[in-house]
């Protein structure tokens, strides 16, 4: 392959995506959108929650060629739309069960976690 005049880089990482199509209003299919643009790894910023993470893992993470590092949204459903949000305790149980898959935890930008003080 002749790469003269082209930029050759390793696989890129996108640090904020939502790749749970059909469940999240913001979700896109990972492979056509990511791999086609040179992105090989993405951090999903909380598209799934405690109740939807098993489906996200089975139907998106495990079948995608794109490497997906998921953050678990601290609610039951994840980010379905801008109008849906709550903070049930079952999210922490899902997080403990999903350590192998979960990359991090996503707090809604308007929520203040219990026990934290404002600066």
PDB file of N, CA and C in Angstrom:
ATOM      1  N   UNK A   1       0.834  -1.170   0.000  1.00  0.00           N
ATOM      2  CA  UNK A   1       0.000   0.000   0.000  1.00  0.00           C
ATOM      3  C   UNK A   1       0.887   1.244   0.000  1.00  0.00           C
ATOM      4  N   UNK A   2       0.619   2.126  -0.907  1.00  0.00           N
ATOM      5  CA  UNK A   2       1.375   3.370  -1.006  1.00  0.00           C
ATOM      6  C   UNK A   2       0.696   4.429  -0.144  1.00  0.00           C
ATOM      7  N   UNK A   3       1.358   4.876   0.918  1.00  0.00           N
ATOM      8  CA  UNK A   3       0.785   5.859   1.834  1.00  0.00           C
ATOM      9  C   UNK A   3       1.450   7.225   1.701  1.00  0.00           C
ATOM     10  N   UNK A   4       2.192   7.431   0.633  1.00  0.00           N
ATOM     11  CA  UNK A   4       2.823   8.742   0.435  1.00  0.00           C
ATOM     12  C   UNK A   4       1.756   9.832   0.362  1.00  0.00           C
ATOM     13  N   UNK A   5       1.986  10.910   1.104  1.00  0.00           N
ATOM     14  CA  UNK A   5       1.051  12.033   1.095  1.00  0.00           C
ATOM     15  C   UNK A   5      -0.162  11.830   1.997  1.00  0.00           C
ATOM     16  N   UNK A   6      -0.210  10.691   2.689  1.00  0.00           N
ATOM     17  CA  UNK A   6      -1.331  10.408   3.582  1.00  0.00           C
ATOM     18  C   UNK A   6      -0.873  10.429   5.029  1.00  0.00           C
ATOM     19  N   UNK A   7      -1.783  10.612   5.922  1.00  0.00           N
ATOM     20  CA  UNK A   7      -1.494  10.586   7.346  1.00  0.00           C
ATOM     21  C   UNK A   7      -1.772   9.172   7.851  1.00  0.00           C
ATOM     22  N   UNK A   8      -0.773   8.499   8.381  1.00  0.00           N
ATOM     23  CA  UNK A   8      -0.919   7.145   8.901  1.00  0.00           C
ATOM     24  C   UNK A   8      -0.846   7.210  10.423  1.00  0.00           C
ATOM     25  N   UNK A   9      -1.918   6.784  11.075  1.00  0.00           N
ATOM     26  CA  UNK A   9      -1.995   6.829  12.537  1.00  0.00           C
ATOM     27  C   UNK A   9      -2.510   5.490  13.047  1.00  0.00           C
ATOM     28  N   UNK A  10      -2.263   5.188  14.326  1.00  0.00           N
ATOM     29  CA  UNK A  10      -2.867   3.979  14.899  1.00  0.00           C
ATOM     30  C   UNK A  10      -4.364   4.216  15.057  1.00  0.00           C
ATOM     31  N   UNK A  11      -5.099   3.192  15.446  1.00  0.00           N
ATOM     32  CA  UNK A  11      -6.534   3.356  15.664  1.00  0.00           C
ATOM     33  C   UNK A  11      -6.811   4.478  16.644  1.00  0.00           C
ATOM     34  N   UNK A  12      -7.756   5.334  16.320  1.00  0.00           N
ATOM     35  CA  UNK A  12      -8.083   6.480  17.165  1.00  0.00           C
ATOM     36  C   UNK A  12      -9.065   6.072  18.260  1.00  0.00           C
ATOM     37  N   UNK A  13      -9.139   6.859  19.325  1.00  0.00           N
ATOM     38  CA  UNK A  13     -10.049   6.613  20.438  1.00  0.00           C
ATOM     39  C   UNK A  13     -10.979   7.813  20.568  1.00  0.00           C
ATOM     40  N   UNK A  14     -12.279   7.541  20.572  1.00  0.00           N
ATOM     41  CA  UNK A  14     -13.276   8.590  20.797  1.00  0.00           C
ATOM     42  C   UNK A  14     -13.715   8.478  22.251  1.00  0.00           C
ATOM     43  N   UNK A  15     -13.520   9.528  23.030  1.00  0.00           N
ATOM     44  CA  UNK A  15     -13.742   9.489  24.467  1.00  0.00           C
ATOM     45  C   UNK A  15     -15.176   9.778  24.906  1.00  0.00           C
ATOM     46  N   UNK A  16     -16.088  10.114  23.993  1.00  0.00           N
ATOM     47  CA  UNK A  16     -17.473  10.364  24.389  1.00  0.00           C
ATOM     48  C   UNK A  16     -18.399  10.028  23.230  1.00  0.00           C
ATOM     49  N   UNK A  17     -18.995   8.846  23.313  1.00  0.00           N
ATOM     50  CA  UNK A  17     -19.965   8.429  22.301  1.00  0.00           C
ATOM     51  C   UNK A  17     -21.175   7.812  22.994  1.00  0.00           C
ATOM     52  N   UNK A  18     -22.222   7.613  22.215  1.00  0.00           N
ATOM     53  CA  UNK A  18     -23.387   6.848  22.647  1.00  0.00           C
ATOM     54  C   UNK A  18     -23.657   5.849  21.523  1.00  0.00           C
ATOM     55  N   UNK A  19     -23.330   4.593  21.782  1.00  0.00           N
ATOM     56  CA  UNK A  19     -23.418   3.560  20.744  1.00  0.00           C
ATOM     57  C   UNK A  19     -24.393   2.449  21.147  1.00  0.00           C
ATOM     58  N   UNK A  20     -25.598   2.841  21.535  1.00  0.00           N
ATOM     59  CA  UNK A  20     -26.659   1.887  21.864  1.00  0.00           C
ATOM     60  C   UNK A  20     -27.860   2.234  20.988  1.00  0.00           C
ATOM     61  N   UNK A  21     -27.744   1.981  19.674  1.00  0.00           N
ATOM     62  CA  UNK A  21     -28.807   2.370  18.751  1.00  0.00           C
ATOM     63  C   UNK A  21     -30.097   1.608  19.049  1.00  0.00           C
ATOM     64  N   UNK A  22     -31.209   2.293  18.896  1.00  0.00           N
ATOM     65  CA  UNK A  22     -32.504   1.671  19.130  1.00  0.00           C
ATOM     66  C   UNK A  22     -32.956   1.762  20.571  1.00  0.00           C
ATOM     67  N   UNK A  23     -32.041   1.949  21.499  1.00  0.00           N
ATOM     68  CA  UNK A  23     -32.401   2.083  22.910  1.00  0.00           C
ATOM     69  C   UNK A  23     -32.223   3.522  23.365  1.00  0.00           C
ATOM     70  N   UNK A  24     -31.110   4.122  22.981  1.00  0.00           N
ATOM     71  CA  UNK A  24     -30.840   5.506  23.350  1.00  0.00           C
ATOM     72  C   UNK A  24     -31.183   6.414  22.169  1.00  0.00           C
ATOM     73  N   UNK A  25     -31.864   7.491  22.475  1.00  0.00           N
ATOM     74  CA  UNK A  25     -32.196   8.487  21.455  1.00  0.00           C
ATOM     75  C   UNK A  25     -30.935   8.987  20.748  1.00  0.00           C
ATOM     76  N   UNK A  26     -29.836   9.002  21.463  1.00  0.00           N
ATOM     77  CA  UNK A  26     -28.573   9.518  20.935  1.00  0.00           C
ATOM     78  C   UNK A  26     -27.710   8.432  20.299  1.00  0.00           C
ATOM     79  N   UNK A  27     -28.127   7.156  20.392  1.00  0.00           N
ATOM     80  CA  UNK A  27     -27.277   6.046  19.991  1.00  0.00           C
ATOM     81  C   UNK A  27     -27.048   5.920  18.496  1.00  0.00           C
ATOM     82  N   UNK A  28     -25.812   5.606  18.136  1.00  0.00           N
ATOM     83  CA  UNK A  28     -25.449   5.319  16.750  1.00  0.00           C
ATOM     84  C   UNK A  28     -24.847   3.911  16.702  1.00  0.00           C
ATOM     85  N   UNK A  29     -24.871   3.292  15.546  1.00  0.00           N
ATOM     86  CA  UNK A  29     -24.247   1.985  15.374  1.00  0.00           C
ATOM     87  C   UNK A  29     -22.729   2.178  15.392  1.00  0.00           C
ATOM     88  N   UNK A  30     -22.006   1.440  16.229  1.00  0.00           N
ATOM     89  CA  UNK A  30     -20.578   1.708  16.368  1.00  0.00           C
ATOM     90  C   UNK A  30     -19.739   1.438  15.121  1.00  0.00           C
ATOM     91  N   UNK A  31     -19.878   0.282  14.519  1.00  0.00           N
ATOM     92  CA  UNK A  31     -18.956  -0.074  13.436  1.00  0.00           C
ATOM     93  C   UNK A  31     -19.036   0.826  12.208  1.00  0.00           C
ATOM     94  N   UNK A  32     -20.214   1.099  11.660  1.00  0.00           N
ATOM     95  CA  UNK A  32     -20.224   1.961  10.473  1.00  0.00           C
ATOM     96  C   UNK A  32     -19.745   3.384  10.736  1.00  0.00           C
ATOM     97  N   UNK A  33     -20.001   3.894  11.935  1.00  0.00           N
ATOM     98  CA  UNK A  33     -19.623   5.267  12.236  1.00  0.00           C
ATOM     99  C   UNK A  33     -18.202   5.398  12.764  1.00  0.00           C
ATOM    100  N   UNK A  34     -17.724   4.398  13.460  1.00  0.00           N
ATOM    101  CA  UNK A  34     -16.408   4.501  14.091  1.00  0.00           C
ATOM    102  C   UNK A  34     -15.301   3.949  13.203  1.00  0.00           C
ATOM    103  N   UNK A  35     -15.409   2.691  12.831  1.00  0.00           N
ATOM    104  CA  UNK A  35     -14.339   2.066  12.041  1.00  0.00           C
ATOM    105  C   UNK A  35     -14.123   2.787  10.716  1.00  0.00           C
ATOM    106  N   UNK A  36     -15.198   3.261  10.120  1.00  0.00           N
ATOM    107  CA  UNK A  36     -15.084   3.950   8.828  1.00  0.00           C
ATOM    108  C   UNK A  36     -14.311   5.255   8.929  1.00  0.00           C
ATOM    109  N   UNK A  37     -14.172   5.781  10.139  1.00  0.00           N
ATOM    110  CA  UNK A  37     -13.444   7.046  10.321  1.00  0.00           C
ATOM    111  C   UNK A  37     -12.124   6.859  11.048  1.00  0.00           C
ATOM    112  N   UNK A  38     -11.692   5.607  11.210  1.00  0.00           N
ATOM    113  CA  UNK A  38     -10.398   5.343  11.831  1.00  0.00           C
ATOM    114  C   UNK A  38     -10.449   5.195  13.337  1.00  0.00           C
ATOM    115  N   UNK A  39     -11.647   5.243  13.918  1.00  0.00           N
ATOM    116  CA  UNK A  39     -11.808   5.081  15.366  1.00  0.00           C
ATOM    117  C   UNK A  39     -11.971   3.601  15.664  1.00  0.00           C
ATOM    118  N   UNK A  40     -11.061   3.040  16.445  1.00  0.00           N
ATOM    119  CA  UNK A  40     -11.126   1.610  16.754  1.00  0.00           C
ATOM    120  C   UNK A  40     -11.596   1.342  18.177  1.00  0.00           C
ATOM    121  N   UNK A  41     -11.551   2.364  19.053  1.00  0.00           N
ATOM    122  CA  UNK A  41     -11.964   2.223  20.441  1.00  0.00           C
ATOM    123  C   UNK A  41     -12.814   3.425  20.821  1.00  0.00           C
ATOM    124  N   UNK A  42     -13.921   3.168  21.527  1.00  0.00           N
ATOM    125  CA  UNK A  42     -14.785   4.253  21.990  1.00  0.00           C
ATOM    126  C   UNK A  42     -15.112   4.068  23.461  1.00  0.00           C
ATOM    127  N   UNK A  43     -15.383   5.187  24.128  1.00  0.00           N
ATOM    128  CA  UNK A  43     -15.894   5.164  25.490  1.00  0.00           C
ATOM    129  C   UNK A  43     -17.355   5.588  25.402  1.00  0.00           C
ATOM    130  N   UNK A  44     -18.251   4.629  25.666  1.00  0.00           N
ATOM    131  CA  UNK A  44     -19.677   4.957  25.662  1.00  0.00           C
ATOM    132  C   UNK A  44     -19.990   5.655  26.977  1.00  0.00           C
ATOM    133  N   UNK A  45     -20.499   6.871  26.883  1.00  0.00           N
ATOM    134  CA  UNK A  45     -20.678   7.737  28.050  1.00  0.00           C
ATOM    135  C   UNK A  45     -22.039   7.553  28.720  1.00  0.00           C
ATOM    136  N   UNK A  46     -22.381   6.306  29.048  1.00  0.00           N
ATOM    137  CA  UNK A  46     -23.578   6.058  29.845  1.00  0.00           C
ATOM    138  C   UNK A  46     -24.855   5.839  29.069  1.00  0.00           C
ATOM    139  N   UNK A  47     -24.784   5.205  27.901  1.00  0.00           N
ATOM    140  CA  UNK A  47     -26.010   4.926  27.155  1.00  0.00           C
ATOM    141  C   UNK A  47     -26.898   3.924  27.864  1.00  0.00           C
ATOM    142  N   UNK A  48     -26.305   3.049  28.690  1.00  0.00           N
ATOM    143  CA  UNK A  48     -27.097   2.030  29.382  1.00  0.00           C
ATOM    144  C   UNK A  48     -27.068   2.253  30.886  1.00  0.00           C
ATOM    145  N   UNK A  49     -28.114   1.737  31.543  1.00  0.00           N
ATOM    146  CA  UNK A  49     -28.220   1.795  32.993  1.00  0.00           C
ATOM    147  C   UNK A  49     -28.328   0.388  33.549  1.00  0.00           C
ATOM    148  N   UNK A  50     -28.745   0.286  34.791  1.00  0.00           N
ATOM    149  CA  UNK A  50     -28.786  -1.001  35.482  1.00  0.00           C
ATOM    150  C   UNK A  50     -29.670  -2.022  34.771  1.00  0.00           C
ATOM    151  N   UNK A  51     -30.807  -1.598  34.249  1.00  0.00           N
ATOM    152  CA  UNK A  51     -31.723  -2.539  33.608  1.00  0.00           C
ATOM    153  C   UNK A  51     -31.384  -2.804  32.143  1.00  0.00           C
ATOM    154  N   UNK A  52     -30.726  -1.878  31.489  1.00  0.00           N
ATOM    155  CA  UNK A  52     -30.458  -2.030  30.059  1.00  0.00           C
ATOM    156  C   UNK A  52     -29.039  -2.491  29.741  1.00  0.00           C
ATOM    157  N   UNK A  53     -28.145  -2.508  30.753  1.00  0.00           N
ATOM    158  CA  UNK A  53     -26.768  -2.906  30.479  1.00  0.00           C
ATOM    159  C   UNK A  53     -26.631  -4.334  29.939  1.00  0.00           C
ATOM    160  N   UNK A  54     -27.363  -5.320  30.468  1.00  0.00           N
ATOM    161  CA  UNK A  54     -27.226  -6.668  29.907  1.00  0.00           C
ATOM    162  C   UNK A  54     -27.522  -6.724  28.404  1.00  0.00           C
ATOM    163  N   UNK A  55     -28.534  -6.000  27.950  1.00  0.00           N
ATOM    164  CA  UNK A  55     -28.841  -5.965  26.514  1.00  0.00           C
ATOM    165  C   UNK A  55     -27.758  -5.216  25.746  1.00  0.00           C
ATOM    166  N   UNK A  56     -27.257  -4.124  26.297  1.00  0.00           N
ATOM    167  CA  UNK A  56     -26.178  -3.371  25.657  1.00  0.00           C
ATOM    168  C   UNK A  56     -24.958  -4.262  25.465  1.00  0.00           C
ATOM    169  N   UNK A  57     -24.614  -5.006  26.510  1.00  0.00           N
ATOM    170  CA  UNK A  57     -23.465  -5.916  26.427  1.00  0.00           C
ATOM    171  C   UNK A  57     -23.695  -6.993  25.366  1.00  0.00           C
ATOM    172  N   UNK A  58     -24.853  -7.658  25.416  1.00  0.00           N
ATOM    173  CA  UNK A  58     -25.120  -8.773  24.505  1.00  0.00           C
ATOM    174  C   UNK A  58     -25.282  -8.341  23.055  1.00  0.00           C
ATOM    175  N   UNK A  59     -26.017  -7.283  22.816  1.00  0.00           N
ATOM    176  CA  UNK A  59     -26.377  -6.918  21.451  1.00  0.00           C
ATOM    177  C   UNK A  59     -25.471  -5.866  20.804  1.00  0.00           C
ATOM    178  N   UNK A  60     -24.646  -5.200  21.585  1.00  0.00           N
ATOM    179  CA  UNK A  60     -23.756  -4.185  21.011  1.00  0.00           C
ATOM    180  C   UNK A  60     -22.289  -4.491  21.324  1.00  0.00           C
ATOM    181  N   UNK A  61     -21.915  -4.507  22.587  1.00  0.00           N
ATOM    182  CA  UNK A  61     -20.501  -4.649  22.964  1.00  0.00           C
ATOM    183  C   UNK A  61     -19.908  -5.957  22.443  1.00  0.00           C
ATOM    184  N   UNK A  62     -20.612  -7.066  22.667  1.00  0.00           N
ATOM    185  CA  UNK A  62     -20.054  -8.373  22.308  1.00  0.00           C
ATOM    186  C   UNK A  62     -20.035  -8.653  20.806  1.00  0.00           C
ATOM    187  N   UNK A  63     -20.808  -7.923  20.012  1.00  0.00           N
ATOM    188  CA  UNK A  63     -20.846  -8.196  18.578  1.00  0.00           C
ATOM    189  C   UNK A  63     -20.122  -7.144  17.737  1.00  0.00           C
ATOM    190  N   UNK A  64     -19.824  -5.999  18.313  1.00  0.00           N
ATOM    191  CA  UNK A  64     -19.168  -4.933  17.554  1.00  0.00           C
ATOM    192  C   UNK A  64     -17.691  -5.250  17.323  1.00  0.00           C
ATOM    193  N   UNK A  65     -17.190  -4.860  16.181  1.00  0.00           N
ATOM    194  CA  UNK A  65     -15.750  -4.938  15.929  1.00  0.00           C
ATOM    195  C   UNK A  65     -15.031  -3.783  16.628  1.00  0.00           C
ATOM    196  N   UNK A  66     -15.723  -2.668  16.774  1.00  0.00           N
ATOM    197  CA  UNK A  66     -15.187  -1.528  17.509  1.00  0.00           C
ATOM    198  C   UNK A  66     -15.060  -1.928  18.971  1.00  0.00           C
ATOM    199  N   UNK A  67     -13.942  -1.595  19.590  1.00  0.00           N
ATOM    200  CA  UNK A  67     -13.770  -1.871  21.024  1.00  0.00           C
ATOM    201  C   UNK A  67     -14.562  -0.822  21.795  1.00  0.00           C
ATOM    202  N   UNK A  68     -15.493  -1.281  22.634  1.00  0.00           N
ATOM    203  CA  UNK A  68     -16.365  -0.373  23.373  1.00  0.00           C
ATOM    204  C   UNK A  68     -16.059  -0.485  24.859  1.00  0.00           C
ATOM    205  N   UNK A  69     -15.689   0.642  25.467  1.00  0.00           N
ATOM    206  CA  UNK A  69     -15.460   0.725  26.909  1.00  0.00           C
ATOM    207  C   UNK A  69     -16.683   1.434  27.496  1.00  0.00           C
ATOM    208  N   UNK A  70     -17.593   0.689  28.121  1.00  0.00           N
ATOM    209  CA  UNK A  70     -18.848   1.300  28.551  1.00  0.00           C
ATOM    210  C   UNK A  70     -18.766   1.942  29.928  1.00  0.00           C
ATOM    211  N   UNK A  71     -19.434   3.078  30.066  1.00  0.00           N
ATOM    212  CA  UNK A  71     -19.671   3.673  31.368  1.00  0.00           C
ATOM    213  C   UNK A  71     -21.132   3.400  31.692  1.00  0.00           C
ATOM    214  N   UNK A  72     -21.409   2.989  32.914  1.00  0.00           N
ATOM    215  CA  UNK A  72     -22.769   2.704  33.342  1.00  0.00           C
ATOM    216  C   UNK A  72     -23.398   3.975  33.896  1.00  0.00           C
ATOM    217  N   UNK A  73     -24.506   4.386  33.303  1.00  0.00           N
ATOM    218  CA  UNK A  73     -25.217   5.555  33.826  1.00  0.00           C
ATOM    219  C   UNK A  73     -25.859   5.168  35.152  1.00  0.00           C
ATOM    220  N   UNK A  74     -25.784   6.021  36.147  1.00  0.00           N
ATOM    221  CA  UNK A  74     -26.315   5.731  37.478  1.00  0.00           C
ATOM    222  C   UNK A  74     -27.825   5.967  37.473  1.00  0.00           C
ATOM    223  N   UNK A  75     -28.524   5.122  36.743  1.00  0.00           N
ATOM    224  CA  UNK A  75     -29.984   5.069  36.783  1.00  0.00           C
ATOM    225  C   UNK A  75     -30.409   3.720  36.209  1.00  0.00           C
ATOM    226  N   UNK A  76     -31.678   3.476  36.102  1.00  0.00           N
ATOM    227  CA  UNK A  76     -32.155   2.162  35.665  1.00  0.00           C
ATOM    228  C   UNK A  76     -31.990   1.951  34.167  1.00  0.00           C
ATOM    229  N   UNK A  77     -32.199   2.984  33.368  1.00  0.00           N
ATOM    230  CA  UNK A  77     -32.308   2.786  31.927  1.00  0.00           C
ATOM    231  C   UNK A  77     -31.165   3.347  31.098  1.00  0.00           C
ATOM    232  N   UNK A  78     -30.326   4.176  31.659  1.00  0.00           N
ATOM    233  CA  UNK A  78     -29.296   4.828  30.857  1.00  0.00           C
ATOM    234  C   UNK A  78     -29.842   6.104  30.254  1.00  0.00           C
ATOM    235  N   UNK A  79     -29.246   6.526  29.151  1.00  0.00           N
ATOM    236  CA  UNK A  79     -29.697   7.757  28.500  1.00  0.00           C
ATOM    237  C   UNK A  79     -30.643   7.380  27.365  1.00  0.00           C
ATOM    238  N   UNK A  80     -31.928   7.285  27.679  1.00  0.00           N
ATOM    239  CA  UNK A  80     -32.912   7.017  26.640  1.00  0.00           C
ATOM    240  C   UNK A  80     -33.254   8.295  25.902  1.00  0.00           C
ATOM    241  N   UNK A  81     -33.412   9.358  26.656  1.00  0.00           N
ATOM    242  CA  UNK A  81     -33.670  10.679  26.081  1.00  0.00           C
ATOM    243  C   UNK A  81     -33.319  11.714  27.134  1.00  0.00           C
ATOM    244  N   UNK A  82     -33.369  12.959  26.770  1.00  0.00           N
ATOM    245  CA  UNK A  82     -33.046  14.026  27.714  1.00  0.00           C
ATOM    246  C   UNK A  82     -34.109  14.155  28.804  1.00  0.00           C
ATOM    247  N   UNK A  83     -35.297  13.596  28.571  1.00  0.00           N
ATOM    248  CA  UNK A  83     -36.399  13.737  29.520  1.00  0.00           C
ATOM    249  C   UNK A  83     -36.446  12.642  30.576  1.00  0.00           C
ATOM    250  N   UNK A  84     -35.651  11.582  30.438  1.00  0.00           N
ATOM    251  CA  UNK A  84     -35.752  10.434  31.335  1.00  0.00           C
ATOM    252  C   UNK A  84     -34.505  10.340  32.210  1.00  0.00           C
ATOM    253  N   UNK A  85     -34.704  10.409  33.544  1.00  0.00           N
ATOM    254  CA  UNK A  85     -33.578  10.215  34.441  1.00  0.00           C
ATOM    255  C   UNK A  85     -34.073   9.981  35.858  1.00  0.00           C
ATOM    256  N   UNK A  86     -33.437   9.047  36.553  1.00  0.00           N
ATOM    257  CA  UNK A  86     -33.667   8.811  37.963  1.00  0.00           C
ATOM    258  C   UNK A  86     -32.452   8.091  38.514  1.00  0.00           C
ATOM    259  N   UNK A  87     -32.337   7.988  39.826  1.00  0.00           N
ATOM    260  CA  UNK A  87     -31.144   7.422  40.451  1.00  0.00           C
ATOM    261  C   UNK A  87     -31.494   6.258  41.387  1.00  0.00           C
ATOM    262  N   UNK A  88     -31.905   5.101  40.861  1.00  0.00           N
ATOM    263  CA  UNK A  88     -32.255   3.994  41.754  1.00  0.00           C
ATOM    264  C   UNK A  88     -31.022   3.290  42.317  1.00  0.00           C
ATOM    265  N   UNK A  89     -31.202   2.605  43.414  1.00  0.00           N
ATOM    266  CA  UNK A  89     -30.082   1.908  44.048  1.00  0.00           C
ATOM    267  C   UNK A  89     -29.642   0.695  43.253  1.00  0.00           C
ATOM    268  N   UNK A  90     -30.481   0.150  42.382  1.00  0.00           N
ATOM    269  CA  UNK A  90     -30.081  -1.050  41.643  1.00  0.00           C
ATOM    270  C   UNK A  90     -28.935  -0.791  40.666  1.00  0.00           C
ATOM    271  N   UNK A  91     -28.642   0.463  40.339  1.00  0.00           N
ATOM    272  CA  UNK A  91     -27.518   0.753  39.446  1.00  0.00           C
ATOM    273  C   UNK A  91     -26.199   0.312  40.069  1.00  0.00           C
ATOM    274  N   UNK A  92     -26.032   0.496  41.375  1.00  0.00           N
ATOM    275  CA  UNK A  92     -24.773   0.099  42.009  1.00  0.00           C
ATOM    276  C   UNK A  92     -24.621  -1.421  42.004  1.00  0.00           C
ATOM    277  N   UNK A  93     -25.708  -2.169  42.162  1.00  0.00           N
ATOM    278  CA  UNK A  93     -25.636  -3.631  42.106  1.00  0.00           C
ATOM    279  C   UNK A  93     -25.250  -4.086  40.702  1.00  0.00           C
ATOM    280  N   UNK A  94     -25.803  -3.454  39.688  1.00  0.00           N
ATOM    281  CA  UNK A  94     -25.441  -3.792  38.308  1.00  0.00           C
ATOM    282  C   UNK A  94     -23.972  -3.494  38.065  1.00  0.00           C
ATOM    283  N   UNK A  95     -23.499  -2.392  38.604  1.00  0.00           N
ATOM    284  CA  UNK A  95     -22.098  -2.016  38.437  1.00  0.00           C
ATOM    285  C   UNK A  95     -21.180  -3.077  39.033  1.00  0.00           C
ATOM    286  N   UNK A  96     -21.524  -3.568  40.223  1.00  0.00           N
ATOM    287  CA  UNK A  96     -20.699  -4.610  40.853  1.00  0.00           C
ATOM    288  C   UNK A  96     -20.700  -5.896  40.033  1.00  0.00           C
ATOM    289  N   UNK A  97     -21.839  -6.268  39.464  1.00  0.00           N
ATOM    290  CA  UNK A  97     -21.933  -7.496  38.660  1.00  0.00           C
ATOM    291  C   UNK A  97     -21.233  -7.362  37.318  1.00  0.00           C
ATOM    292  N   UNK A  98     -21.012  -6.148  36.852  1.00  0.00           N
ATOM    293  CA  UNK A  98     -20.518  -5.913  35.498  1.00  0.00           C
ATOM    294  C   UNK A  98     -19.092  -5.400  35.451  1.00  0.00           C
ATOM    295  N   UNK A  99     -18.315  -5.592  36.486  1.00  0.00           N
ATOM    296  CA  UNK A  99     -16.949  -5.060  36.542  1.00  0.00           C
ATOM    297  C   UNK A  99     -16.107  -5.454  35.344  1.00  0.00           C
ATOM    298  N   UNK A 100     -16.289  -6.672  34.843  1.00  0.00           N
ATOM    299  CA  UNK A 100     -15.490  -7.117  33.694  1.00  0.00           C
ATOM    300  C   UNK A 100     -15.741  -6.256  32.464  1.00  0.00           C
ATOM    301  N   UNK A 101     -16.951  -5.745  32.339  1.00  0.00           N
ATOM    302  CA  UNK A 101     -17.332  -4.993  31.140  1.00  0.00           C
ATOM    303  C   UNK A 101     -17.295  -3.493  31.335  1.00  0.00           C
ATOM    304  N   UNK A 102     -17.602  -3.032  32.524  1.00  0.00           N
ATOM    305  CA  UNK A 102     -17.797  -1.606  32.759  1.00  0.00           C
ATOM    306  C   UNK A 102     -16.475  -0.861  32.849  1.00  0.00           C
ATOM    307  N   UNK A 103     -16.392   0.232  32.147  1.00  0.00           N
ATOM    308  CA  UNK A 103     -15.193   1.068  32.134  1.00  0.00           C
ATOM    309  C   UNK A 103     -15.281   2.173  33.186  1.00  0.00           C
ATOM    310  N   UNK A 104     -16.487   2.610  33.470  1.00  0.00           N
ATOM    311  CA  UNK A 104     -16.661   3.693  34.429  1.00  0.00           C
ATOM    312  C   UNK A 104     -18.125   3.891  34.740  1.00  0.00           C
ATOM    313  N   UNK A 105     -18.419   4.942  35.464  1.00  0.00           N
ATOM    314  CA  UNK A 105     -19.779   5.247  35.872  1.00  0.00           C
ATOM    315  C   UNK A 105     -20.094   6.668  35.469  1.00  0.00           C
ATOM    316  N   UNK A 106     -21.267   6.875  34.885  1.00  0.00           N
ATOM    317  CA  UNK A 106     -21.652   8.204  34.421  1.00  0.00           C
ATOM    318  C   UNK A 106     -22.731   8.821  35.284  1.00  0.00           C
ATOM    319  N   UNK A 107     -22.454   9.988  35.831  1.00  0.00           N
ATOM    320  CA  UNK A 107     -23.446  10.728  36.597  1.00  0.00           C
ATOM    321  C   UNK A 107     -24.086  11.755  35.684  1.00  0.00           C
ATOM    322  N   UNK A 108     -25.402  11.921  35.778  1.00  0.00           N
ATOM    323  CA  UNK A 108     -26.023  13.008  35.015  1.00  0.00           C
ATOM    324  C   UNK A 108     -25.389  14.327  35.426  1.00  0.00           C
ATOM    325  N   UNK A 109     -25.206  15.225  34.503  1.00  0.00           N
ATOM    326  CA  UNK A 109     -24.485  16.467  34.801  1.00  0.00           C
ATOM    327  C   UNK A 109     -25.225  17.330  35.812  1.00  0.00           C
ATOM    328  N   UNK A 110     -26.520  17.125  35.998  1.00  0.00           N
ATOM    329  CA  UNK A 110     -27.276  17.930  36.949  1.00  0.00           C
ATOM    330  C   UNK A 110     -27.391  17.255  38.318  1.00  0.00           C
ATOM    331  N   UNK A 111     -26.930  16.006  38.445  1.00  0.00           N
ATOM    332  CA  UNK A 111     -27.071  15.269  39.703  1.00  0.00           C
ATOM    333  C   UNK A 111     -25.845  15.470  40.587  1.00  0.00           C
ATOM    334  N   UNK A 112     -26.059  15.582  41.877  1.00  0.00           N
ATOM    335  CA  UNK A 112     -24.957  15.656  42.825  1.00  0.00           C
ATOM    336  C   UNK A 112     -24.957  14.348  43.617  1.00  0.00           C
ATOM    337  N   UNK A 113     -23.937  13.510  43.456  1.00  0.00           N
ATOM    338  CA  UNK A 113     -23.894  12.238  44.183  1.00  0.00           C
ATOM    339  C   UNK A 113     -23.994  12.450  45.690  1.00  0.00           C
ATOM    340  N   UNK A 114     -24.681  11.543  46.367  1.00  0.00           N
ATOM    341  CA  UNK A 114     -24.793  11.616  47.822  1.00  0.00           C
ATOM    342  C   UNK A 114     -23.413  11.566  48.457  1.00  0.00           C
ATOM    343  N   UNK A 115     -23.247  12.315  49.529  1.00  0.00           N
ATOM    344  CA  UNK A 115     -21.998  12.280  50.262  1.00  0.00           C
ATOM    345  C   UNK A 115     -20.944  13.240  49.732  1.00  0.00           C
ATOM    346  N   UNK A 116     -21.166  13.829  48.587  1.00  0.00           N
ATOM    347  CA  UNK A 116     -20.191  14.786  48.053  1.00  0.00           C
ATOM    348  C   UNK A 116     -20.573  16.188  48.465  1.00  0.00           C
ATOM    349  N   UNK A 117     -19.600  16.990  48.736  1.00  0.00           N
ATOM    350  CA  UNK A 117     -19.858  18.359  49.107  1.00  0.00           C
ATOM    351  C   UNK A 117     -19.517  19.276  47.954  1.00  0.00           C
ATOM    352  N   UNK A 118     -20.244  20.344  47.862  1.00  0.00           N
ATOM    353  CA  UNK A 118     -19.934  21.367  46.860  1.00  0.00           C
ATOM    354  C   UNK A 118     -18.660  22.074  47.258  1.00  0.00           C
ATOM    355  N   UNK A 119     -17.887  22.467  46.295  1.00  0.00           N
ATOM    356  CA  UNK A 119     -16.635  23.190  46.601  1.00  0.00           C
ATOM    357  C   UNK A 119     -16.916  24.618  46.949  1.00  0.00           C
TER     358      UNK A 119
END
